[in-house]
Structure formats: C-alpha cells, structure tokens
Amino acid sequence: MTRCAAATTSGGTSHLDLVSFPGQLDRLRAVGAVTPDTDVVAVHLSHHNPPAAELALRLAAPGARSVFDGATVAVGARRAELRYGA
C-alpha cells in the first residue's frame, strides 16, 4: 500500500499527490520493490482528490487502485481481496 494523500499538490509536505504518485511507483519498480505481481493500493487519500470514478482512472494509469473507507485488504494473493464491514 502506498499513501497518496493530496490531490494535485502536496503543498510542500512529504505527502504524495496525483502528480508525484506515478513517479514514486516508477522508482519502486526500478528497484524491484513493485513487480507485475504487486497489488498497488493507494491509501490515506485526501478529500481534495477528484470523485471516485476519476480517481480510479488516474490511479489505474500508473497501475494502482484505491479502496473505500472501511475496507479490509487481505494480502497474500496476486490481487488483494477486499472485505467490507466488521
């Protein structure tokens, strides 16, 4: 999971945004930390991001996805399984 907190600008913080997020994934891929089998899930998303449908498209371009608040991501499979609720 990778944080992508801000929308289009991090405001000078260390948060990733929709502009810097793809570059960070590229760097992680370059060192083998993200592979074709990695399920990249963007978390810690700000309310300043675009609506869910547009956000999904923008995250999919570099090979990531988001999940809704309250989702549980079970890891260990090629694509993480989502579980909602308690």
Protein backbone atom coordinates (compact mmCIF):
# COMPACT_ATOMS: atom_id res chain seq x y z
CA MET A 1 0.00 0.00 0.00
CA THR A 2 1.22 3.45 -0.86
CA ARG A 3 -0.06 6.74 0.52
CA CYS A 4 -1.44 9.23 -1.98
CA ALA A 5 -2.87 11.85 0.34
CA ALA A 6 -3.12 15.07 -1.64
CA ALA A 7 -4.87 15.71 -4.93
CA THR A 8 -2.68 17.66 -7.34
CA THR A 9 -0.29 19.34 -4.97
CA SER A 10 1.26 18.21 -1.73
CA GLY A 11 1.60 21.80 -0.53
CA GLY A 12 5.28 21.33 0.22
CA THR A 13 4.71 18.34 2.51
CA SER A 14 6.14 14.86 2.16
CA HIS A 15 2.76 13.53 1.03
CA LEU A 16 2.44 12.04 -2.43
CA ASP A 17 -0.16 13.52 -4.74
CA LEU A 18 -1.64 12.51 -8.09
CA VAL A 19 1.28 14.21 -9.86
CA SER A 20 4.11 12.67 -7.80
CA PHE A 21 2.50 9.26 -7.18
CA PRO A 22 3.33 7.74 -10.63
CA GLY A 23 6.98 8.76 -10.31
CA GLN A 24 7.23 7.13 -6.89
CA LEU A 25 5.80 3.91 -8.35
CA ASP A 26 8.37 4.11 -11.16
CA ARG A 27 11.17 4.39 -8.58
CA LEU A 28 9.79 1.43 -6.62
CA ARG A 29 9.55 -0.62 -9.82
CA ALA A 30 13.12 0.32 -10.79
CA VAL A 31 14.49 -1.25 -7.60
CA GLY A 32 12.19 -4.29 -7.73
CA ALA A 33 10.03 -3.26 -4.77
CA VAL A 34 6.95 -3.21 -7.02
CA THR A 35 6.67 -6.05 -9.52
CA PRO A 36 3.99 -7.07 -12.06
CA ASP A 37 2.52 -9.25 -9.27
CA THR A 38 2.23 -6.36 -6.79
CA ASP A 39 -1.28 -5.13 -6.00
CA VAL A 40 -0.69 -1.40 -5.52
CA VAL A 41 -3.41 0.10 -3.32
CA ALA A 42 -3.35 3.86 -2.71
CA VAL A 43 -4.36 4.67 0.88
CA HIS A 44 -4.59 7.73 3.14
CA LEU A 45 -6.45 9.60 0.39
CA SER A 46 -7.39 13.23 0.90
CA HIS A 47 -10.89 14.60 0.40
CA HIS A 48 -9.26 17.01 -2.07
CA ASN A 49 -8.95 14.24 -4.67
CA PRO A 50 -11.34 14.05 -7.63
CA PRO A 51 -14.57 12.00 -7.42
CA ALA A 52 -14.17 8.21 -7.09
CA ALA A 53 -14.60 7.38 -10.80
CA GLU A 54 -12.00 9.93 -11.95
CA LEU A 55 -9.66 8.99 -9.10
CA ALA A 56 -9.89 5.33 -10.13
CA LEU A 57 -8.89 6.23 -13.70
CA ARG A 58 -6.00 8.43 -12.57
CA LEU A 59 -4.66 5.76 -10.22
CA ALA A 60 -5.11 2.98 -12.79
CA ALA A 61 -2.85 4.79 -15.29
CA PRO A 62 0.32 4.07 -13.24
CA GLY A 63 -1.03 0.68 -12.12
CA ALA A 64 -2.68 1.39 -8.77
CA ARG A 65 -6.16 1.41 -7.29
CA SER A 66 -7.98 2.77 -4.27
CA VAL A 67 -10.46 1.20 -1.88
CA PHE A 68 -13.34 2.76 0.00
CA ASP A 69 -13.07 3.79 3.64
CA GLY A 70 -13.59 0.86 5.97
CA ALA A 71 -12.32 -1.74 3.51
CA THR A 72 -10.08 -4.52 4.77
CA VAL A 73 -7.41 -5.62 2.33
CA ALA A 74 -6.38 -9.26 2.80
CA VAL A 75 -2.88 -9.70 1.39
CA GLY A 76 -1.03 -12.74 0.14
CA ALA A 77 -2.85 -13.35 -3.13
CA ARG A 78 -1.97 -11.90 -6.54
CA ARG A 79 -4.82 -9.41 -6.17
CA ALA A 80 -5.72 -8.50 -2.62
CA GLU A 81 -9.19 -9.48 -1.52
CA LEU A 82 -11.42 -6.72 -0.15
CA ARG A 83 -13.71 -7.26 2.79
CA TYR A 84 -16.20 -4.62 3.85
CA GLY A 85 -17.69 -4.25 7.30
CA ALA A 86 -16.79 -5.88 10.58
